[in-house]
Amino acid sequence: MKAGVAELRRLIAEKEATPTPVSKIATTRPKREKLPPLTEDEVQVIQAYAAKHGRRWKSVLNHVWMGGAPYDDGGTLRRLRNSHGPSWLHTYRLPKPRPDENAVSECQPDVLET
């Protein structure tokens, strides 16, 4: 019995003394992989789809990606489904519109000259 306990202690000490190989550390995957950024074309296609389908555009697109009607996702949206996935769609936010110089001047009230 003492020999078995001694053998286990020797194996444990040997295991603890062995360093972890570098290749094993390098091959572990991060918890969340970084997705490639969207191209300007992809952003424009998403914005057009959102404008077409309104407030619930994400749920409509997710439904289409799962095989449901209206089957109106084009090639760009299909590529996004394949590269980024439905979970990405859930967290995606449309970019805020950039204020144009014309839009800013239109928002300012006119000053009446007297």
PDB file of N, CA and C in Angstrom:
ATOM      1  N   MET A   1       0.820  -1.189   0.000  1.00  0.00           N
ATOM      2  CA  MET A   1       0.000   0.000   0.000  1.00  0.00           C
ATOM      3  C   MET A   1       0.865   1.254   0.000  1.00  0.00           C
ATOM      4  N   LYS A   2       1.902   1.271   0.831  1.00  0.00           N
ATOM      5  CA  LYS A   2       2.788   2.430   0.877  1.00  0.00           C
ATOM      6  C   LYS A   2       3.487   2.631  -0.465  1.00  0.00           C
ATOM      7  N   ALA A   3       3.758   1.555  -1.161  1.00  0.00           N
ATOM      8  CA  ALA A   3       4.425   1.659  -2.454  1.00  0.00           C
ATOM      9  C   ALA A   3       3.516   2.338  -3.471  1.00  0.00           C
ATOM     10  N   GLY A   4       2.213   2.027  -3.417  1.00  0.00           N
ATOM     11  CA  GLY A   4       1.252   2.645  -4.337  1.00  0.00           C
ATOM     12  C   GLY A   4       1.123   4.134  -4.091  1.00  0.00           C
ATOM     13  N   VAL A   5       1.061   4.524  -2.819  1.00  0.00           N
ATOM     14  CA  VAL A   5       0.960   5.936  -2.456  1.00  0.00           C
ATOM     15  C   VAL A   5       2.230   6.674  -2.889  1.00  0.00           C
ATOM     16  N   ALA A   6       3.359   6.044  -2.673  1.00  0.00           N
ATOM     17  CA  ALA A   6       4.630   6.662  -3.061  1.00  0.00           C
ATOM     18  C   ALA A   6       4.694   6.836  -4.573  1.00  0.00           C
ATOM     19  N   GLU A   7       4.217   5.843  -5.319  1.00  0.00           N
ATOM     20  CA  GLU A   7       4.212   5.936  -6.785  1.00  0.00           C
ATOM     21  C   GLU A   7       3.300   7.065  -7.258  1.00  0.00           C
ATOM     22  N   LEU A   8       2.114   7.205  -6.651  1.00  0.00           N
ATOM     23  CA  LEU A   8       1.202   8.302  -7.013  1.00  0.00           C
ATOM     24  C   LEU A   8       1.834   9.660  -6.732  1.00  0.00           C
ATOM     25  N   ARG A   9       2.487   9.797  -5.591  1.00  0.00           N
ATOM     26  CA  ARG A   9       3.137  11.068  -5.253  1.00  0.00           C
ATOM     27  C   ARG A   9       4.245  11.383  -6.258  1.00  0.00           C
ATOM     28  N   ARG A  10       4.983  10.355  -6.671  1.00  0.00           N
ATOM     29  CA  ARG A  10       6.053  10.548  -7.641  1.00  0.00           C
ATOM     30  C   ARG A  10       5.472  11.012  -8.983  1.00  0.00           C
ATOM     31  N   LEU A  11       4.360  10.391  -9.424  1.00  0.00           N
ATOM     32  CA  LEU A  11       3.720  10.774 -10.680  1.00  0.00           C
ATOM     33  C   LEU A  11       3.173  12.199 -10.632  1.00  0.00           C
ATOM     34  N   ILE A  12       2.581  12.556  -9.498  1.00  0.00           N
ATOM     35  CA  ILE A  12       2.044  13.920  -9.337  1.00  0.00           C
ATOM     36  C   ILE A  12       3.177  14.938  -9.380  1.00  0.00           C
ATOM     37  N   ALA A  13       4.270  14.669  -8.670  1.00  0.00           N
ATOM     38  CA  ALA A  13       5.409  15.590  -8.656  1.00  0.00           C
ATOM     39  C   ALA A  13       6.014  15.711 -10.050  1.00  0.00           C
ATOM     40  N   GLU A  14       6.077  14.606 -10.771  1.00  0.00           N
ATOM     41  CA  GLU A  14       6.608  14.620 -12.135  1.00  0.00           C
ATOM     42  C   GLU A  14       5.723  15.451 -13.057  1.00  0.00           C
ATOM     43  N   LYS A  15       4.418  15.290 -12.913  1.00  0.00           N
ATOM     44  CA  LYS A  15       3.457  16.036 -13.743  1.00  0.00           C
ATOM     45  C   LYS A  15       3.558  17.538 -13.467  1.00  0.00           C
ATOM     46  N   GLU A  16       3.669  17.914 -12.182  1.00  0.00           N
ATOM     47  CA  GLU A  16       3.759  19.336 -11.831  1.00  0.00           C
ATOM     48  C   GLU A  16       5.064  19.949 -12.289  1.00  0.00           C
ATOM     49  N   ALA A  17       6.119  19.177 -12.381  1.00  0.00           N
ATOM     50  CA  ALA A  17       7.430  19.681 -12.786  1.00  0.00           C
ATOM     51  C   ALA A  17       7.538  19.841 -14.293  1.00  0.00           C
ATOM     52  N   THR A  18       6.693  19.161 -15.060  1.00  0.00           N
ATOM     53  CA  THR A  18       6.754  19.235 -16.517  1.00  0.00           C
ATOM     54  C   THR A  18       6.143  20.548 -16.985  1.00  0.00           C
ATOM     55  N   PRO A  19       6.914  21.376 -17.708  1.00  0.00           N
ATOM     56  CA  PRO A  19       6.347  22.636 -18.209  1.00  0.00           C
ATOM     57  C   PRO A  19       5.345  22.365 -19.329  1.00  0.00           C
ATOM     58  N   THR A  20       4.390  23.292 -19.470  1.00  0.00           N
ATOM     59  CA  THR A  20       3.391  23.193 -20.530  1.00  0.00           C
ATOM     60  C   THR A  20       4.058  23.535 -21.861  1.00  0.00           C
ATOM     61  N   PRO A  21       3.900  22.691 -22.874  1.00  0.00           N
ATOM     62  CA  PRO A  21       4.525  22.991 -24.170  1.00  0.00           C
ATOM     63  C   PRO A  21       3.968  24.282 -24.770  1.00  0.00           C
ATOM     64  N   VAL A  22       4.857  25.041 -25.412  1.00  0.00           N
ATOM     65  CA  VAL A  22       4.474  26.321 -26.027  1.00  0.00           C
ATOM     66  C   VAL A  22       3.445  26.094 -27.121  1.00  0.00           C
ATOM     67  N   SER A  23       3.574  25.033 -27.889  1.00  0.00           N
ATOM     68  CA  SER A  23       2.649  24.794 -28.990  1.00  0.00           C
ATOM     69  C   SER A  23       1.226  24.597 -28.489  1.00  0.00           C
ATOM     70  N   LYS A  24       1.075  24.031 -27.294  1.00  0.00           N
ATOM     71  CA  LYS A  24      -0.266  23.831 -26.748  1.00  0.00           C
ATOM     72  C   LYS A  24      -0.890  25.175 -26.361  1.00  0.00           C
ATOM     73  N   ILE A  25      -0.104  26.085 -25.861  1.00  0.00           N
ATOM     74  CA  ILE A  25      -0.599  27.408 -25.487  1.00  0.00           C
ATOM     75  C   ILE A  25      -0.995  28.187 -26.744  1.00  0.00           C
ATOM     76  N   ALA A  26      -0.182  28.100 -27.774  1.00  0.00           N
ATOM     77  CA  ALA A  26      -0.417  28.872 -28.997  1.00  0.00           C
ATOM     78  C   ALA A  26      -1.630  28.376 -29.767  1.00  0.00           C
ATOM     79  N   THR A  27      -2.017  27.123 -29.610  1.00  0.00           N
ATOM     80  CA  THR A  27      -3.120  26.588 -30.398  1.00  0.00           C
ATOM     81  C   THR A  27      -4.474  26.767 -29.732  1.00  0.00           C
ATOM     82  N   THR A  28      -4.509  27.254 -28.501  1.00  0.00           N
ATOM     83  CA  THR A  28      -5.809  27.466 -27.873  1.00  0.00           C
ATOM     84  C   THR A  28      -6.486  28.650 -28.533  1.00  0.00           C
ATOM     85  N   ARG A  29      -7.792  28.529 -28.752  1.00  0.00           N
ATOM     86  CA  ARG A  29      -8.559  29.580 -29.426  1.00  0.00           C
ATOM     87  C   ARG A  29      -9.080  30.580 -28.407  1.00  0.00           C
ATOM     88  N   PRO A  30      -9.135  31.848 -28.786  1.00  0.00           N
ATOM     89  CA  PRO A  30      -9.737  32.837 -27.885  1.00  0.00           C
ATOM     90  C   PRO A  30     -11.233  32.572 -27.744  1.00  0.00           C
ATOM     91  N   LYS A  31     -11.794  33.069 -26.656  1.00  0.00           N
ATOM     92  CA  LYS A  31     -13.223  32.861 -26.417  1.00  0.00           C
ATOM     93  C   LYS A  31     -14.066  33.446 -27.535  1.00  0.00           C
ATOM     94  N   ARG A  32     -13.766  34.647 -27.950  1.00  0.00           N
ATOM     95  CA  ARG A  32     -14.511  35.291 -29.039  1.00  0.00           C
ATOM     96  C   ARG A  32     -13.529  35.668 -30.134  1.00  0.00           C
ATOM     97  N   GLU A  33     -13.750  35.113 -31.300  1.00  0.00           N
ATOM     98  CA  GLU A  33     -12.887  35.464 -32.421  1.00  0.00           C
ATOM     99  C   GLU A  33     -13.299  36.824 -32.967  1.00  0.00           C
ATOM    100  N   LYS A  34     -12.344  37.585 -33.383  1.00  0.00           N
ATOM    101  CA  LYS A  34     -12.619  38.904 -33.949  1.00  0.00           C
ATOM    102  C   LYS A  34     -13.114  38.728 -35.375  1.00  0.00           C
ATOM    103  N   LEU A  35     -14.261  39.298 -35.666  1.00  0.00           N
ATOM    104  CA  LEU A  35     -14.840  39.206 -37.005  1.00  0.00           C
ATOM    105  C   LEU A  35     -14.266  40.304 -37.892  1.00  0.00           C
ATOM    106  N   PRO A  36     -14.172  40.045 -39.187  1.00  0.00           N
ATOM    107  CA  PRO A  36     -13.670  41.095 -40.084  1.00  0.00           C
ATOM    108  C   PRO A  36     -14.650  42.271 -40.122  1.00  0.00           C
ATOM    109  N   PRO A  37     -14.142  43.486 -40.239  1.00  0.00           N
ATOM    110  CA  PRO A  37     -15.043  44.647 -40.306  1.00  0.00           C
ATOM    111  C   PRO A  37     -15.851  44.623 -41.595  1.00  0.00           C
ATOM    112  N   LEU A  38     -17.012  45.280 -41.555  1.00  0.00           N
ATOM    113  CA  LEU A  38     -17.871  45.343 -42.733  1.00  0.00           C
ATOM    114  C   LEU A  38     -17.298  46.324 -43.744  1.00  0.00           C
ATOM    115  N   THR A  39     -17.495  46.003 -45.006  1.00  0.00           N
ATOM    116  CA  THR A  39     -17.097  46.927 -46.060  1.00  0.00           C
ATOM    117  C   THR A  39     -18.179  47.997 -46.193  1.00  0.00           C
ATOM    118  N   GLU A  40     -17.860  49.052 -46.905  1.00  0.00           N
ATOM    119  CA  GLU A  40     -18.830  50.135 -47.127  1.00  0.00           C
ATOM    120  C   GLU A  40     -20.048  49.609 -47.889  1.00  0.00           C
ATOM    121  N   ASP A  41     -19.808  48.711 -48.840  1.00  0.00           N
ATOM    122  CA  ASP A  41     -20.901  48.101 -49.612  1.00  0.00           C
ATOM    123  C   ASP A  41     -21.825  47.288 -48.691  1.00  0.00           C
ATOM    124  N   GLU A  42     -21.248  46.523 -47.793  1.00  0.00           N
ATOM    125  CA  GLU A  42     -22.059  45.713 -46.864  1.00  0.00           C
ATOM    126  C   GLU A  42     -22.902  46.603 -45.953  1.00  0.00           C
ATOM    127  N   VAL A  43     -22.308  47.682 -45.472  1.00  0.00           N
ATOM    128  CA  VAL A  43     -23.046  48.615 -44.617  1.00  0.00           C
ATOM    129  C   VAL A  43     -24.214  49.226 -45.388  1.00  0.00           C
ATOM    130  N   GLN A  44     -23.979  49.606 -46.646  1.00  0.00           N
ATOM    131  CA  GLN A  44     -25.043  50.200 -47.457  1.00  0.00           C
ATOM    132  C   GLN A  44     -26.167  49.206 -47.717  1.00  0.00           C
ATOM    133  N   VAL A  45     -25.820  47.927 -47.966  1.00  0.00           N
ATOM    134  CA  VAL A  45     -26.842  46.908 -48.207  1.00  0.00           C
ATOM    135  C   VAL A  45     -27.674  46.693 -46.946  1.00  0.00           C
ATOM    136  N   ILE A  46     -27.029  46.662 -45.796  1.00  0.00           N
ATOM    137  CA  ILE A  46     -27.762  46.490 -44.533  1.00  0.00           C
ATOM    138  C   ILE A  46     -28.674  47.688 -44.282  1.00  0.00           C
ATOM    139  N   GLN A  47     -28.174  48.895 -44.522  1.00  0.00           N
ATOM    140  CA  GLN A  47     -28.991  50.087 -44.313  1.00  0.00           C
ATOM    141  C   GLN A  47     -30.201  50.089 -45.244  1.00  0.00           C
ATOM    142  N   ALA A  48     -30.019  49.668 -46.490  1.00  0.00           N
ATOM    143  CA  ALA A  48     -31.140  49.611 -47.426  1.00  0.00           C
ATOM    144  C   ALA A  48     -32.163  48.564 -46.970  1.00  0.00           C
ATOM    145  N   TYR A  49     -31.690  47.430 -46.482  1.00  0.00           N
ATOM    146  CA  TYR A  49     -32.595  46.378 -46.004  1.00  0.00           C
ATOM    147  C   TYR A  49     -33.367  46.876 -44.781  1.00  0.00           C
ATOM    148  N   ALA A  50     -32.678  47.572 -43.895  1.00  0.00           N
ATOM    149  CA  ALA A  50     -33.328  48.114 -42.693  1.00  0.00           C
ATOM    150  C   ALA A  50     -34.376  49.158 -43.076  1.00  0.00           C
ATOM    151  N   ALA A  51     -34.064  50.002 -44.049  1.00  0.00           N
ATOM    152  CA  ALA A  51     -35.023  51.019 -44.486  1.00  0.00           C
ATOM    153  C   ALA A  51     -36.246  50.367 -45.127  1.00  0.00           C
ATOM    154  N   LYS A  52     -36.028  49.287 -45.848  1.00  0.00           N
ATOM    155  CA  LYS A  52     -37.129  48.595 -46.522  1.00  0.00           C
ATOM    156  C   LYS A  52     -38.061  47.897 -45.530  1.00  0.00           C
ATOM    157  N   HIS A  53     -37.489  47.326 -44.467  1.00  0.00           N
ATOM    158  CA  HIS A  53     -38.288  46.503 -43.548  1.00  0.00           C
ATOM    159  C   HIS A  53     -38.634  47.180 -42.221  1.00  0.00           C
ATOM    160  N   GLY A  54     -38.149  48.368 -41.993  1.00  0.00           N
ATOM    161  CA  GLY A  54     -38.562  49.128 -40.824  1.00  0.00           C
ATOM    162  C   GLY A  54     -37.949  48.655 -39.516  1.00  0.00           C
ATOM    163  N   ARG A  55     -38.651  48.951 -38.424  1.00  0.00           N
ATOM    164  CA  ARG A  55     -38.149  48.691 -37.074  1.00  0.00           C
ATOM    165  C   ARG A  55     -37.710  47.261 -36.836  1.00  0.00           C
ATOM    166  N   ARG A  56     -38.417  46.323 -37.388  1.00  0.00           N
ATOM    167  CA  ARG A  56     -38.157  44.915 -37.123  1.00  0.00           C
ATOM    168  C   ARG A  56     -37.259  44.261 -38.179  1.00  0.00           C
ATOM    169  N   TRP A  57     -36.404  45.045 -38.812  1.00  0.00           N
ATOM    170  CA  TRP A  57     -35.585  44.544 -39.902  1.00  0.00           C
ATOM    171  C   TRP A  57     -34.691  43.388 -39.480  1.00  0.00           C
ATOM    172  N   LYS A  58     -34.186  43.427 -38.244  1.00  0.00           N
ATOM    173  CA  LYS A  58     -33.306  42.351 -37.792  1.00  0.00           C
ATOM    174  C   LYS A  58     -34.049  41.026 -37.659  1.00  0.00           C
ATOM    175  N   SER A  59     -35.244  41.077 -37.090  1.00  0.00           N
ATOM    176  CA  SER A  59     -35.997  39.828 -36.943  1.00  0.00           C
ATOM    177  C   SER A  59     -36.438  39.292 -38.303  1.00  0.00           C
ATOM    178  N   VAL A  60     -36.764  40.191 -39.239  1.00  0.00           N
ATOM    179  CA  VAL A  60     -37.124  39.763 -40.594  1.00  0.00           C
ATOM    180  C   VAL A  60     -35.919  39.105 -41.266  1.00  0.00           C
ATOM    181  N   LEU A  61     -34.756  39.761 -41.179  1.00  0.00           N
ATOM    182  CA  LEU A  61     -33.552  39.214 -41.805  1.00  0.00           C
ATOM    183  C   LEU A  61     -33.146  37.897 -41.156  1.00  0.00           C
ATOM    184  N   ASN A  62     -33.237  37.809 -39.846  1.00  0.00           N
ATOM    185  CA  ASN A  62     -32.904  36.558 -39.158  1.00  0.00           C
ATOM    186  C   ASN A  62     -33.841  35.438 -39.623  1.00  0.00           C
ATOM    187  N   HIS A  63     -35.112  35.755 -39.766  1.00  0.00           N
ATOM    188  CA  HIS A  63     -36.086  34.769 -40.242  1.00  0.00           C
ATOM    189  C   HIS A  63     -35.739  34.308 -41.664  1.00  0.00           C
ATOM    190  N   VAL A  64     -35.354  35.243 -42.507  1.00  0.00           N
ATOM    191  CA  VAL A  64     -34.956  34.914 -43.880  1.00  0.00           C
ATOM    192  C   VAL A  64     -33.697  34.051 -43.861  1.00  0.00           C
ATOM    193  N   TRP A  65     -32.749  34.401 -42.992  1.00  0.00           N
ATOM    194  CA  TRP A  65     -31.513  33.629 -42.895  1.00  0.00           C
ATOM    195  C   TRP A  65     -31.779  32.193 -42.431  1.00  0.00           C
ATOM    196  N   MET A  66     -32.873  31.997 -41.707  1.00  0.00           N
ATOM    197  CA  MET A  66     -33.226  30.656 -41.247  1.00  0.00           C
ATOM    198  C   MET A  66     -34.106  29.908 -42.253  1.00  0.00           C
ATOM    199  N   GLY A  67     -34.346  30.526 -43.418  1.00  0.00           N
ATOM    200  CA  GLY A  67     -35.065  29.845 -44.484  1.00  0.00           C
ATOM    201  C   GLY A  67     -36.499  30.276 -44.681  1.00  0.00           C
ATOM    202  N   GLY A  68     -36.938  31.305 -43.984  1.00  0.00           N
ATOM    203  CA  GLY A  68     -38.326  31.756 -44.109  1.00  0.00           C
ATOM    204  C   GLY A  68     -38.503  32.820 -45.171  1.00  0.00           C
ATOM    205  N   ALA A  69     -39.765  33.147 -45.424  1.00  0.00           N
ATOM    206  CA  ALA A  69     -40.111  34.194 -46.385  1.00  0.00           C
ATOM    207  C   ALA A  69     -39.747  35.545 -45.779  1.00  0.00           C
ATOM    208  N   PRO A  70     -39.483  36.554 -46.516  1.00  0.00           N
ATOM    209  CA  PRO A  70     -39.768  36.862 -47.910  1.00  0.00           C
ATOM    210  C   PRO A  70     -38.642  36.523 -48.878  1.00  0.00           C
ATOM    211  N   TYR A  71     -37.589  35.836 -48.478  1.00  0.00           N
ATOM    212  CA  TYR A  71     -36.502  35.391 -49.369  1.00  0.00           C
ATOM    213  C   TYR A  71     -35.881  36.546 -50.146  1.00  0.00           C
ATOM    214  N   ASP A  72     -35.741  37.684 -49.519  1.00  0.00           N
ATOM    215  CA  ASP A  72     -35.232  38.855 -50.237  1.00  0.00           C
ATOM    216  C   ASP A  72     -33.825  39.260 -49.812  1.00  0.00           C
ATOM    217  N   ASP A  73     -33.085  38.343 -49.227  1.00  0.00           N
ATOM    218  CA  ASP A  73     -31.701  38.670 -48.897  1.00  0.00           C
ATOM    219  C   ASP A  73     -30.835  38.333 -50.100  1.00  0.00           C
ATOM    220  N   GLY A  74     -30.102  39.304 -50.572  1.00  0.00           N
ATOM    221  CA  GLY A  74     -29.275  39.105 -51.762  1.00  0.00           C
ATOM    222  C   GLY A  74     -27.951  38.449 -51.409  1.00  0.00           C
ATOM    223  N   GLY A  75     -27.045  38.444 -52.355  1.00  0.00           N
ATOM    224  CA  GLY A  75     -25.758  37.795 -52.173  1.00  0.00           C
ATOM    225  C   GLY A  75     -24.928  38.378 -51.049  1.00  0.00           C
ATOM    226  N   THR A  76     -24.944  39.700 -50.913  1.00  0.00           N
ATOM    227  CA  THR A  76     -24.148  40.343 -49.869  1.00  0.00           C
ATOM    228  C   THR A  76     -24.637  39.937 -48.491  1.00  0.00           C
ATOM    229  N   LEU A  77     -25.959  39.925 -48.290  1.00  0.00           N
ATOM    230  CA  LEU A  77     -26.498  39.530 -46.991  1.00  0.00           C
ATOM    231  C   LEU A  77     -26.253  38.049 -46.710  1.00  0.00           C
ATOM    232  N   ARG A  78     -26.292  37.214 -47.740  1.00  0.00           N
ATOM    233  CA  ARG A  78     -25.988  35.786 -47.561  1.00  0.00           C
ATOM    234  C   ARG A  78     -24.531  35.597 -47.153  1.00  0.00           C
ATOM    235  N   ARG A  79     -23.646  36.350 -47.780  1.00  0.00           N
ATOM    236  CA  ARG A  79     -22.226  36.258 -47.402  1.00  0.00           C
ATOM    237  C   ARG A  79     -22.031  36.684 -45.951  1.00  0.00           C
ATOM    238  N   LEU A  80     -22.754  37.715 -45.528  1.00  0.00           N
ATOM    239  CA  LEU A  80     -22.662  38.145 -44.127  1.00  0.00           C
ATOM    240  C   LEU A  80     -23.177  37.056 -43.190  1.00  0.00           C
ATOM    241  N   ARG A  81     -24.248  36.388 -43.588  1.00  0.00           N
ATOM    242  CA  ARG A  81     -24.758  35.286 -42.769  1.00  0.00           C
ATOM    243  C   ARG A  81     -23.692  34.210 -42.625  1.00  0.00           C
ATOM    244  N   ASN A  82     -23.039  33.872 -43.733  1.00  0.00           N
ATOM    245  CA  ASN A  82     -22.041  32.807 -43.700  1.00  0.00           C
ATOM    246  C   ASN A  82     -20.762  33.214 -42.971  1.00  0.00           C
ATOM    247  N   SER A  83     -20.372  34.477 -43.075  1.00  0.00           N
ATOM    248  CA  SER A  83     -19.117  34.909 -42.451  1.00  0.00           C
ATOM    249  C   SER A  83     -19.291  35.361 -41.002  1.00  0.00           C
ATOM    250  N   HIS A  84     -20.402  36.008 -40.682  1.00  0.00           N
ATOM    251  CA  HIS A  84     -20.579  36.586 -39.355  1.00  0.00           C
ATOM    252  C   HIS A  84     -21.606  35.836 -38.507  1.00  0.00           C
ATOM    253  N   GLY A  85     -22.663  35.332 -39.123  1.00  0.00           N
ATOM    254  CA  GLY A  85     -23.635  34.515 -38.411  1.00  0.00           C
ATOM    255  C   GLY A  85     -24.775  35.281 -37.778  1.00  0.00           C
ATOM    256  N   PRO A  86     -25.837  34.559 -37.416  1.00  0.00           N
ATOM    257  CA  PRO A  86     -27.015  35.180 -36.811  1.00  0.00           C
ATOM    258  C   PRO A  86     -26.757  35.821 -35.446  1.00  0.00           C
ATOM    259  N   SER A  87     -25.826  35.284 -34.668  1.00  0.00           N
ATOM    260  CA  SER A  87     -25.552  35.900 -33.366  1.00  0.00           C
ATOM    261  C   SER A  87     -24.924  37.283 -33.547  1.00  0.00           C
ATOM    262  N   TRP A  88     -24.145  37.458 -34.602  1.00  0.00           N
ATOM    263  CA  TRP A  88     -23.583  38.777 -34.897  1.00  0.00           C
ATOM    264  C   TRP A  88     -24.707  39.755 -35.220  1.00  0.00           C
ATOM    265  N   LEU A  89     -25.696  39.295 -35.991  1.00  0.00           N
ATOM    266  CA  LEU A  89     -26.809  40.166 -36.379  1.00  0.00           C
ATOM    267  C   LEU A  89     -27.534  40.693 -35.148  1.00  0.00           C
ATOM    268  N   HIS A  90     -27.663  39.852 -34.148  1.00  0.00           N
ATOM    269  CA  HIS A  90     -28.363  40.244 -32.928  1.00  0.00           C
ATOM    270  C   HIS A  90     -27.664  41.422 -32.244  1.00  0.00           C
ATOM    271  N   THR A  91     -26.337  41.455 -32.284  1.00  0.00           N
ATOM    272  CA  THR A  91     -25.595  42.516 -31.594  1.00  0.00           C
ATOM    273  C   THR A  91     -25.254  43.697 -32.501  1.00  0.00           C
ATOM    274  N   TYR A  92     -25.481  43.574 -33.799  1.00  0.00           N
ATOM    275  CA  TYR A  92     -25.114  44.630 -34.739  1.00  0.00           C
ATOM    276  C   TYR A  92     -26.003  45.861 -34.551  1.00  0.00           C
ATOM    277  N   ARG A  93     -25.401  47.018 -34.653  1.00  0.00           N
ATOM    278  CA  ARG A  93     -26.129  48.287 -34.601  1.00  0.00           C
ATOM    279  C   ARG A  93     -25.828  49.059 -35.877  1.00  0.00           C
ATOM    280  N   LEU A  94     -26.847  49.631 -36.461  1.00  0.00           N
ATOM    281  CA  LEU A  94     -26.651  50.472 -37.642  1.00  0.00           C
ATOM    282  C   LEU A  94     -25.807  51.675 -37.257  1.00  0.00           C
ATOM    283  N   PRO A  95     -24.917  52.105 -38.147  1.00  0.00           N
ATOM    284  CA  PRO A  95     -24.126  53.297 -37.837  1.00  0.00           C
ATOM    285  C   PRO A  95     -25.017  54.527 -37.793  1.00  0.00           C
ATOM    286  N   LYS A  96     -24.664  55.429 -36.914  1.00  0.00           N
ATOM    287  CA  LYS A  96     -25.431  56.671 -36.813  1.00  0.00           C
ATOM    288  C   LYS A  96     -25.167  57.511 -38.054  1.00  0.00           C
ATOM    289  N   PRO A  97     -26.213  58.163 -38.579  1.00  0.00           N
ATOM    290  CA  PRO A  97     -26.012  58.987 -39.776  1.00  0.00           C
ATOM    291  C   PRO A  97     -25.092  60.163 -39.471  1.00  0.00           C
ATOM    292  N   ARG A  98     -24.229  60.454 -40.432  1.00  0.00           N
ATOM    293  CA  ARG A  98     -23.312  61.582 -40.279  1.00  0.00           C
ATOM    294  C   ARG A  98     -24.044  62.865 -40.631  1.00  0.00           C
ATOM    295  N   PRO A  99     -23.885  63.893 -39.825  1.00  0.00           N
ATOM    296  CA  PRO A  99     -24.549  65.157 -40.172  1.00  0.00           C
ATOM    297  C   PRO A  99     -23.854  65.809 -41.365  1.00  0.00           C
ATOM    298  N   ASP A 100     -24.630  66.098 -42.383  1.00  0.00           N
ATOM    299  CA  ASP A 100     -24.103  66.796 -43.558  1.00  0.00           C
ATOM    300  C   ASP A 100     -24.115  68.292 -43.292  1.00  0.00           C
ATOM    301  N   GLU A 101     -23.330  69.001 -44.057  1.00  0.00           N
ATOM    302  CA  GLU A 101     -23.323  70.459 -43.898  1.00  0.00           C
ATOM    303  C   GLU A 101     -24.675  71.040 -44.281  1.00  0.00           C
ATOM    304  N   ASN A 102     -25.317  70.481 -45.305  1.00  0.00           N
ATOM    305  CA  ASN A 102     -26.621  70.984 -45.734  1.00  0.00           C
ATOM    306  C   ASN A 102     -27.680  70.727 -44.685  1.00  0.00           C
ATOM    307  N   ALA A 103     -27.615  69.566 -44.047  1.00  0.00           N
ATOM    308  CA  ALA A 103     -28.618  69.226 -43.045  1.00  0.00           C
ATOM    309  C   ALA A 103     -28.500  70.130 -41.836  1.00  0.00           C
ATOM    310  N   VAL A 104     -27.289  70.505 -41.477  1.00  0.00           N
ATOM    311  CA  VAL A 104     -27.094  71.387 -40.326  1.00  0.00           C
ATOM    312  C   VAL A 104     -27.668  72.762 -40.623  1.00  0.00           C
ATOM    313  N   SER A 105     -27.435  73.273 -41.815  1.00  0.00           N
ATOM    314  CA  SER A 105     -27.939  74.607 -42.136  1.00  0.00           C
ATOM    315  C   SER A 105     -29.458  74.620 -42.252  1.00  0.00           C
ATOM    316  N   GLU A 106     -30.059  73.479 -42.656  1.00  0.00           N
ATOM    317  CA  GLU A 106     -31.508  73.413 -42.752  1.00  0.00           C
ATOM    318  C   GLU A 106     -32.168  73.388 -41.381  1.00  0.00           C
ATOM    319  N   CYS A 107     -31.458  72.883 -40.386  1.00  0.00           N
ATOM    320  CA  CYS A 107     -32.021  72.756 -39.042  1.00  0.00           C
ATOM    321  C   CYS A 107     -32.005  74.085 -38.304  1.00  0.00           C
ATOM    322  N   GLN A 108     -31.121  75.003 -38.715  1.00  0.00           N
ATOM    323  CA  GLN A 108     -31.038  76.278 -38.017  1.00  0.00           C
ATOM    324  C   GLN A 108     -32.173  77.195 -38.461  1.00  0.00           C
ATOM    325  N   PRO A 109     -32.810  77.873 -37.520  1.00  0.00           N
ATOM    326  CA  PRO A 109     -33.920  78.756 -37.908  1.00  0.00           C
ATOM    327  C   PRO A 109     -33.419  79.961 -38.692  1.00  0.00           C
ATOM    328  N   ASP A 110     -34.259  80.396 -39.582  1.00  0.00           N
ATOM    329  CA  ASP A 110     -33.935  81.577 -40.372  1.00  0.00           C
ATOM    330  C   ASP A 110     -34.058  82.820 -39.498  1.00  0.00           C
ATOM    331  N   VAL A 111     -33.155  83.733 -39.702  1.00  0.00           N
ATOM    332  CA  VAL A 111     -33.188  84.979 -38.955  1.00  0.00           C
ATOM    333  C   VAL A 111     -33.831  86.026 -39.837  1.00  0.00           C
ATOM    334  N   LEU A 112     -34.867  86.657 -39.312  1.00  0.00           N
ATOM    335  CA  LEU A 112     -35.560  87.701 -40.077  1.00  0.00           C
ATOM    336  C   LEU A 112     -34.777  89.009 -39.985  1.00  0.00           C
ATOM    337  N   GLU A 113     -34.540  89.594 -41.134  1.00  0.00           N
ATOM    338  CA  GLU A 113     -33.829  90.874 -41.146  1.00  0.00           C
ATOM    339  C   GLU A 113     -34.855  92.004 -41.136  1.00  0.00           C
ATOM    340  N   THR A 114     -34.663  92.960 -40.284  1.00  0.00           N
ATOM    341  CA  THR A 114     -35.597  94.099 -40.190  1.00  0.00           C
ATOM    342  C   THR A 114     -34.900  95.402 -40.369  1.00  0.00           C
TER     343      THR A 114
END
